[in-house]
Amino acid sequence: MQDEYRTVARAGVHETEVNRSRFLCALAPAGSEREAQEFIAAVRKEHADATHNCWAYVIGADASVQKASDDGEPGGTAGVPMLQMLLRRDMRYVVAVVTRYFGGVKLGAGGLIRAYGGAVGEALDAVGTLTRRRFRLATVTVDHQRAGKVENDLRATGRDVREVHYGEKVTLRIGLPDADVPAFRAWLADVTAGTAGFELGGEAYGDA
């Protein structure tokens, strides 16, 4: 698994103009191909009167799924440069749709490649990106007497506390970078006098 990847912070739209043609780049996070395709369909519906709605998406932390469409533009002049821009920026789990309203001036193949790739690059800058880092999920079990201090210490030190469950004991589900596991075990044993339970789970990604 990749140790980290970048994605868009939120959905958003950014507009650029090249030789009187309008290029609207809509970006959104997409957790699956289906989500990406649904977003593309929604943008196409919204801009059904546009000359072209070209798109590209990258799914998977290791970029295992990469797809793009020129939507009627000359082959390789729209979807591919959009996809290349996403990959150059290390973007994952993201979909981009560039809607073009033709302004009457032909751009030529080179102009189209620059316009579509550039529209995605500018939109990424405008919308903003964030880094998500790989974590090990872990479960901490502690008695009620010590739970408040443990939770407060975890949050105060910026730990990724994902869930707290109060039962016979208190269960905290947290995310830990792999490298921190040995030190965390030692810290937990120290603050709970060895009474806390600690169990490592699977892997997930969280905000860096």
C-alpha atoms as a PDB file:
ATOM      1  CA  MET A   1       0.000   0.000   0.000  1.00  0.00           C
ATOM      2  CA  GLN A   2       1.016   3.580  -0.620  1.00  0.00           C
ATOM      3  CA  ASP A   3       2.082   5.414   2.547  1.00  0.00           C
ATOM      4  CA  GLU A   4       0.138   8.492   1.497  1.00  0.00           C
ATOM      5  CA  TYR A   5      -1.771  10.081  -1.350  1.00  0.00           C
ATOM      6  CA  ARG A   6      -3.323  13.436  -2.199  1.00  0.00           C
ATOM      7  CA  THR A   7      -6.924  14.189  -3.039  1.00  0.00           C
ATOM      8  CA  VAL A   8      -9.140  17.256  -3.385  1.00  0.00           C
ATOM      9  CA  ALA A   9     -10.275  18.860  -0.168  1.00  0.00           C
ATOM     10  CA  ARG A  10     -13.846  19.306  -1.473  1.00  0.00           C
ATOM     11  CA  ALA A  11     -15.914  19.499  -4.624  1.00  0.00           C
ATOM     12  CA  GLY A  12     -15.574  22.758  -6.553  1.00  0.00           C
ATOM     13  CA  VAL A  13     -15.581  24.456  -9.942  1.00  0.00           C
ATOM     14  CA  HIS A  14     -13.005  26.798 -11.471  1.00  0.00           C
ATOM     15  CA  GLU A  15     -13.382  28.626 -14.784  1.00  0.00           C
ATOM     16  CA  THR A  16     -10.681  29.640 -17.249  1.00  0.00           C
ATOM     17  CA  GLU A  17     -10.946  31.286 -20.667  1.00  0.00           C
ATOM     18  CA  VAL A  18      -8.705  30.554 -23.669  1.00  0.00           C
ATOM     19  CA  ASN A  19      -9.269  32.433 -26.960  1.00  0.00           C
ATOM     20  CA  ARG A  20     -12.900  33.101 -26.072  1.00  0.00           C
ATOM     21  CA  SER A  21     -13.629  29.439 -25.240  1.00  0.00           C
ATOM     22  CA  ARG A  22     -14.807  28.916 -21.652  1.00  0.00           C
ATOM     23  CA  PHE A  23     -13.378  25.935 -19.762  1.00  0.00           C
ATOM     24  CA  LEU A  24     -15.160  25.029 -16.507  1.00  0.00           C
ATOM     25  CA  CYS A  25     -13.305  22.401 -14.493  1.00  0.00           C
ATOM     26  CA  ALA A  26     -15.451  20.615 -11.902  1.00  0.00           C
ATOM     27  CA  LEU A  27     -13.495  18.562  -9.349  1.00  0.00           C
ATOM     28  CA  ALA A  28     -14.745  16.187  -6.677  1.00  0.00           C
ATOM     29  CA  PRO A  29     -13.431  13.471  -4.369  1.00  0.00           C
ATOM     30  CA  ALA A  30     -14.575  10.005  -5.523  1.00  0.00           C
ATOM     31  CA  GLY A  31     -14.238   6.882  -3.404  1.00  0.00           C
ATOM     32  CA  SER A  32     -15.099   4.519  -6.254  1.00  0.00           C
ATOM     33  CA  GLU A  33     -15.543   4.361 -10.031  1.00  0.00           C
ATOM     34  CA  ARG A  34     -19.282   4.488  -9.527  1.00  0.00           C
ATOM     35  CA  GLU A  35     -19.031   7.749  -7.574  1.00  0.00           C
ATOM     36  CA  ALA A  36     -16.806   9.202 -10.309  1.00  0.00           C
ATOM     37  CA  GLN A  37     -19.229   8.177 -13.043  1.00  0.00           C
ATOM     38  CA  GLU A  38     -22.206   9.590 -11.142  1.00  0.00           C
ATOM     39  CA  PHE A  39     -20.403  12.917 -10.790  1.00  0.00           C
ATOM     40  CA  ILE A  40     -19.578  12.951 -14.530  1.00  0.00           C
ATOM     41  CA  ALA A  41     -23.225  12.215 -15.370  1.00  0.00           C
ATOM     42  CA  ALA A  42     -24.413  15.048 -13.109  1.00  0.00           C
ATOM     43  CA  VAL A  43     -22.041  17.576 -14.723  1.00  0.00           C
ATOM     44  CA  ARG A  44     -23.017  16.422 -18.242  1.00  0.00           C
ATOM     45  CA  LYS A  45     -26.683  16.917 -17.331  1.00  0.00           C
ATOM     46  CA  GLU A  46     -26.024  20.372 -15.881  1.00  0.00           C
ATOM     47  CA  HIS A  47     -24.077  21.418 -18.989  1.00  0.00           C
ATOM     48  CA  ALA A  48     -26.009  19.502 -21.641  1.00  0.00           C
ATOM     49  CA  ASP A  49     -25.720  22.519 -23.977  1.00  0.00           C
ATOM     50  CA  ALA A  50     -21.907  22.624 -23.789  1.00  0.00           C
ATOM     51  CA  THR A  51     -19.712  21.791 -26.777  1.00  0.00           C
ATOM     52  CA  HIS A  52     -17.810  19.112 -24.818  1.00  0.00           C
ATOM     53  CA  ASN A  53     -17.770  17.579 -21.338  1.00  0.00           C
ATOM     54  CA  CYS A  54     -14.378  15.844 -21.133  1.00  0.00           C
ATOM     55  CA  TRP A  55     -13.387  13.907 -18.052  1.00  0.00           C
ATOM     56  CA  ALA A  56     -10.706  11.943 -16.216  1.00  0.00           C
ATOM     57  CA  TYR A  57     -10.523  10.130 -12.920  1.00  0.00           C
ATOM     58  CA  VAL A  58      -8.000   8.277 -10.763  1.00  0.00           C
ATOM     59  CA  ILE A  59      -9.237   5.750  -8.194  1.00  0.00           C
ATOM     60  CA  GLY A  60      -7.113   3.828  -5.681  1.00  0.00           C
ATOM     61  CA  ALA A  61      -4.250   4.955  -3.470  1.00  0.00           C
ATOM     62  CA  ASP A  62      -1.920   3.234  -5.958  1.00  0.00           C
ATOM     63  CA  ALA A  63      -3.788   4.781  -8.954  1.00  0.00           C
ATOM     64  CA  SER A  64      -4.993   1.306  -9.992  1.00  0.00           C
ATOM     65  CA  VAL A  65      -7.939   2.742 -11.975  1.00  0.00           C
ATOM     66  CA  GLN A  66      -7.245   5.532 -14.509  1.00  0.00           C
ATOM     67  CA  LYS A  67      -9.797   6.511 -17.136  1.00  0.00           C
ATOM     68  CA  ALA A  68     -10.331   9.501 -19.411  1.00  0.00           C
ATOM     69  CA  SER A  69     -12.578  10.669 -22.253  1.00  0.00           C
ATOM     70  CA  ASP A  70     -12.112  13.321 -24.966  1.00  0.00           C
ATOM     71  CA  ASP A  71     -15.903  13.559 -25.494  1.00  0.00           C
ATOM     72  CA  GLY A  72     -15.612  14.477 -29.164  1.00  0.00           C
ATOM     73  CA  GLU A  73     -12.425  16.556 -29.022  1.00  0.00           C
ATOM     74  CA  PRO A  74      -9.584  15.256 -31.258  1.00  0.00           C
ATOM     75  CA  GLY A  75      -8.127  12.042 -29.768  1.00  0.00           C
ATOM     76  CA  GLY A  76      -5.654  12.613 -26.934  1.00  0.00           C
ATOM     77  CA  THR A  77      -6.181  16.382 -26.687  1.00  0.00           C
ATOM     78  CA  ALA A  78      -8.513  16.550 -23.664  1.00  0.00           C
ATOM     79  CA  GLY A  79      -9.023  13.517 -21.393  1.00  0.00           C
ATOM     80  CA  VAL A  80      -5.394  12.356 -21.500  1.00  0.00           C
ATOM     81  CA  PRO A  81      -3.847  15.741 -20.590  1.00  0.00           C
ATOM     82  CA  MET A  82      -6.438  16.037 -17.811  1.00  0.00           C
ATOM     83  CA  LEU A  83      -5.463  12.599 -16.493  1.00  0.00           C
ATOM     84  CA  GLN A  84      -1.760  13.417 -16.795  1.00  0.00           C
ATOM     85  CA  MET A  85      -2.245  16.569 -14.723  1.00  0.00           C
ATOM     86  CA  LEU A  86      -4.009  14.585 -11.969  1.00  0.00           C
ATOM     87  CA  LEU A  87      -1.193  12.016 -11.942  1.00  0.00           C
ATOM     88  CA  ARG A  88       1.545  14.661 -12.053  1.00  0.00           C
ATOM     89  CA  ARG A  89       0.022  16.192  -8.921  1.00  0.00           C
ATOM     90  CA  ASP A  90      -0.171  12.731  -7.245  1.00  0.00           C
ATOM     91  CA  MET A  91      -3.959  13.006  -7.027  1.00  0.00           C
ATOM     92  CA  ARG A  92      -6.004   9.928  -6.074  1.00  0.00           C
ATOM     93  CA  TYR A  93      -9.692   9.200  -5.505  1.00  0.00           C
ATOM     94  CA  VAL A  94     -10.545  12.220  -7.620  1.00  0.00           C
ATOM     95  CA  VAL A  95     -12.670  13.003 -10.693  1.00  0.00           C
ATOM     96  CA  ALA A  96     -12.343  16.006 -13.013  1.00  0.00           C
ATOM     97  CA  VAL A  97     -14.808  17.140 -15.683  1.00  0.00           C
ATOM     98  CA  VAL A  98     -13.854  20.013 -17.982  1.00  0.00           C
ATOM     99  CA  THR A  99     -16.842  21.562 -19.724  1.00  0.00           C
ATOM    100  CA  ARG A 100     -15.996  23.582 -22.846  1.00  0.00           C
ATOM    101  CA  TYR A 101     -18.170  26.269 -24.366  1.00  0.00           C
ATOM    102  CA  PHE A 102     -16.659  26.950 -27.790  1.00  0.00           C
ATOM    103  CA  GLY A 103     -15.827  30.613 -28.361  1.00  0.00           C
ATOM    104  CA  GLY A 104     -15.403  30.537 -32.143  1.00  0.00           C
ATOM    105  CA  VAL A 105     -11.600  30.287 -32.304  1.00  0.00           C
ATOM    106  CA  LYS A 106     -10.030  26.878 -32.969  1.00  0.00           C
ATOM    107  CA  LEU A 107      -7.137  26.135 -30.610  1.00  0.00           C
ATOM    108  CA  GLY A 108      -5.363  23.346 -32.487  1.00  0.00           C
ATOM    109  CA  ALA A 109      -4.138  20.130 -30.866  1.00  0.00           C
ATOM    110  CA  GLY A 110      -1.371  21.779 -28.830  1.00  0.00           C
ATOM    111  CA  GLY A 111      -3.694  24.541 -27.667  1.00  0.00           C
ATOM    112  CA  LEU A 112      -6.352  22.038 -26.584  1.00  0.00           C
ATOM    113  CA  ILE A 113      -3.823  19.934 -24.642  1.00  0.00           C
ATOM    114  CA  ARG A 114      -2.582  23.028 -22.794  1.00  0.00           C
ATOM    115  CA  ALA A 115      -6.111  24.314 -22.177  1.00  0.00           C
ATOM    116  CA  TYR A 116      -7.540  21.075 -20.771  1.00  0.00           C
ATOM    117  CA  GLY A 117      -4.489  20.178 -18.701  1.00  0.00           C
ATOM    118  CA  GLY A 118      -4.176  23.777 -17.511  1.00  0.00           C
ATOM    119  CA  ALA A 119      -7.855  23.945 -16.522  1.00  0.00           C
ATOM    120  CA  VAL A 120      -7.358  20.954 -14.195  1.00  0.00           C
ATOM    121  CA  GLY A 121      -4.125  22.356 -12.728  1.00  0.00           C
ATOM    122  CA  GLU A 122      -5.703  25.750 -12.007  1.00  0.00           C
ATOM    123  CA  ALA A 123      -8.795  24.112 -10.507  1.00  0.00           C
ATOM    124  CA  LEU A 124      -6.647  21.993  -8.157  1.00  0.00           C
ATOM    125  CA  ASP A 125      -4.931  25.171  -6.958  1.00  0.00           C
ATOM    126  CA  ALA A 126      -8.256  26.962  -6.505  1.00  0.00           C
ATOM    127  CA  VAL A 127     -10.184  24.151  -4.797  1.00  0.00           C
ATOM    128  CA  GLY A 128      -7.295  22.952  -2.633  1.00  0.00           C
ATOM    129  CA  THR A 129      -5.832  19.524  -1.925  1.00  0.00           C
ATOM    130  CA  LEU A 130      -5.062  17.513   1.180  1.00  0.00           C
ATOM    131  CA  THR A 131      -2.736  14.623   1.974  1.00  0.00           C
ATOM    132  CA  ARG A 132      -4.077  11.407   3.437  1.00  0.00           C
ATOM    133  CA  ARG A 133      -1.600   9.148   5.214  1.00  0.00           C
ATOM    134  CA  ARG A 134      -1.759   5.418   5.891  1.00  0.00           C
ATOM    135  CA  PHE A 135      -2.584   4.440   9.462  1.00  0.00           C
ATOM    136  CA  ARG A 136      -2.916   1.236  11.419  1.00  0.00           C
ATOM    137  CA  LEU A 137      -6.262   1.020  13.149  1.00  0.00           C
ATOM    138  CA  ALA A 138      -5.935   0.095  16.806  1.00  0.00           C
ATOM    139  CA  THR A 139      -8.301  -0.515  19.700  1.00  0.00           C
ATOM    140  CA  VAL A 140      -7.497   0.640  23.237  1.00  0.00           C
ATOM    141  CA  THR A 141      -9.554  -0.758  26.119  1.00  0.00           C
ATOM    142  CA  VAL A 142      -9.290   0.995  29.455  1.00  0.00           C
ATOM    143  CA  ASP A 143     -11.253   1.213  32.720  1.00  0.00           C
ATOM    144  CA  HIS A 144     -13.610   4.149  33.310  1.00  0.00           C
ATOM    145  CA  GLN A 145     -11.356   5.620  35.989  1.00  0.00           C
ATOM    146  CA  ARG A 146      -8.486   6.171  33.541  1.00  0.00           C
ATOM    147  CA  ALA A 147     -10.482   6.671  30.336  1.00  0.00           C
ATOM    148  CA  GLY A 148     -10.889  10.447  30.603  1.00  0.00           C
ATOM    149  CA  LYS A 149      -7.176  11.094  31.023  1.00  0.00           C
ATOM    150  CA  VAL A 150      -6.250   8.678  28.211  1.00  0.00           C
ATOM    151  CA  GLU A 151      -8.733  10.249  25.787  1.00  0.00           C
ATOM    152  CA  ASN A 152      -7.686  13.800  26.709  1.00  0.00           C
ATOM    153  CA  ASP A 153      -3.999  12.945  26.297  1.00  0.00           C
ATOM    154  CA  LEU A 154      -4.670  11.309  22.916  1.00  0.00           C
ATOM    155  CA  ARG A 155      -6.543  14.340  21.614  1.00  0.00           C
ATOM    156  CA  ALA A 156      -4.061  16.815  23.123  1.00  0.00           C
ATOM    157  CA  THR A 157      -1.199  15.121  21.266  1.00  0.00           C
ATOM    158  CA  GLY A 158      -3.120  15.144  17.973  1.00  0.00           C
ATOM    159  CA  ARG A 159      -3.864  11.432  17.827  1.00  0.00           C
ATOM    160  CA  ASP A 160      -6.527  10.279  15.396  1.00  0.00           C
ATOM    161  CA  VAL A 161      -9.359   9.251  17.761  1.00  0.00           C
ATOM    162  CA  ARG A 162     -12.047   7.750  15.520  1.00  0.00           C
ATOM    163  CA  GLU A 163     -14.552   6.360  17.978  1.00  0.00           C
ATOM    164  CA  VAL A 164     -15.166   6.121  21.744  1.00  0.00           C
ATOM    165  CA  HIS A 165     -17.531   3.507  23.149  1.00  0.00           C
ATOM    166  CA  TYR A 166     -18.604   3.342  26.793  1.00  0.00           C
ATOM    167  CA  GLY A 167     -19.512  -0.158  27.985  1.00  0.00           C
ATOM    168  CA  GLU A 168     -18.256  -2.263  30.856  1.00  0.00           C
ATOM    169  CA  LYS A 169     -14.928  -0.719  29.910  1.00  0.00           C
ATOM    170  CA  VAL A 170     -14.187   2.210  27.610  1.00  0.00           C
ATOM    171  CA  THR A 171     -13.075   1.314  24.082  1.00  0.00           C
ATOM    172  CA  LEU A 172     -11.225   3.883  21.963  1.00  0.00           C
ATOM    173  CA  ARG A 173     -10.580   3.228  18.280  1.00  0.00           C
ATOM    174  CA  ILE A 174      -7.601   5.176  16.998  1.00  0.00           C
ATOM    175  CA  GLY A 175      -5.364   5.506  13.955  1.00  0.00           C
ATOM    176  CA  LEU A 176      -1.586   5.220  14.366  1.00  0.00           C
ATOM    177  CA  PRO A 177       1.287   5.506  11.898  1.00  0.00           C
ATOM    178  CA  ASP A 178       3.080   2.119  11.799  1.00  0.00           C
ATOM    179  CA  ALA A 179       6.325   3.643  13.067  1.00  0.00           C
ATOM    180  CA  ASP A 180       4.600   4.961  16.213  1.00  0.00           C
ATOM    181  CA  VAL A 181       3.185   1.628  17.402  1.00  0.00           C
ATOM    182  CA  PRO A 182       6.065   0.541  19.723  1.00  0.00           C
ATOM    183  CA  ALA A 183       6.322   3.957  21.412  1.00  0.00           C
ATOM    184  CA  PHE A 184       2.545   4.156  21.756  1.00  0.00           C
ATOM    185  CA  ARG A 185       2.390   0.744  23.436  1.00  0.00           C
ATOM    186  CA  ALA A 186       5.015   1.874  25.958  1.00  0.00           C
ATOM    187  CA  TRP A 187       3.206   5.174  26.616  1.00  0.00           C
ATOM    188  CA  LEU A 188      -0.143   3.441  27.121  1.00  0.00           C
ATOM    189  CA  ALA A 189       1.330   0.907  29.544  1.00  0.00           C
ATOM    190  CA  ASP A 190       2.939   3.754  31.469  1.00  0.00           C
ATOM    191  CA  VAL A 191      -0.157   5.995  31.830  1.00  0.00           C
ATOM    192  CA  THR A 192      -2.487   3.113  32.711  1.00  0.00           C
ATOM    193  CA  ALA A 193      -0.062   1.159  34.935  1.00  0.00           C
ATOM    194  CA  GLY A 194      -0.240  -1.710  32.467  1.00  0.00           C
ATOM    195  CA  THR A 195      -4.026  -2.134  32.805  1.00  0.00           C
ATOM    196  CA  ALA A 196      -5.075  -1.044  29.289  1.00  0.00           C
ATOM    197  CA  GLY A 197      -5.745  -3.458  26.463  1.00  0.00           C
ATOM    198  CA  PHE A 198      -4.211  -2.741  23.049  1.00  0.00           C
ATOM    199  CA  GLU A 199      -5.076  -4.516  19.816  1.00  0.00           C
ATOM    200  CA  LEU A 200      -3.837  -3.727  16.313  1.00  0.00           C
ATOM    201  CA  GLY A 201      -6.314  -3.924  13.450  1.00  0.00           C
ATOM    202  CA  GLY A 202      -6.177  -3.339   9.710  1.00  0.00           C
ATOM    203  CA  GLU A 203      -4.965  -0.378   7.707  1.00  0.00           C
ATOM    204  CA  ALA A 204      -6.793   2.754   6.605  1.00  0.00           C
ATOM    205  CA  TYR A 205      -6.050   6.287   5.438  1.00  0.00           C
ATOM    206  CA  GLY A 206      -6.564   9.456   7.451  1.00  0.00           C
ATOM    207  CA  ASP A 207      -5.807  13.162   7.115  1.00  0.00           C
ATOM    208  CA  ALA A 208      -2.123  13.868   7.506  1.00  0.00           C
END
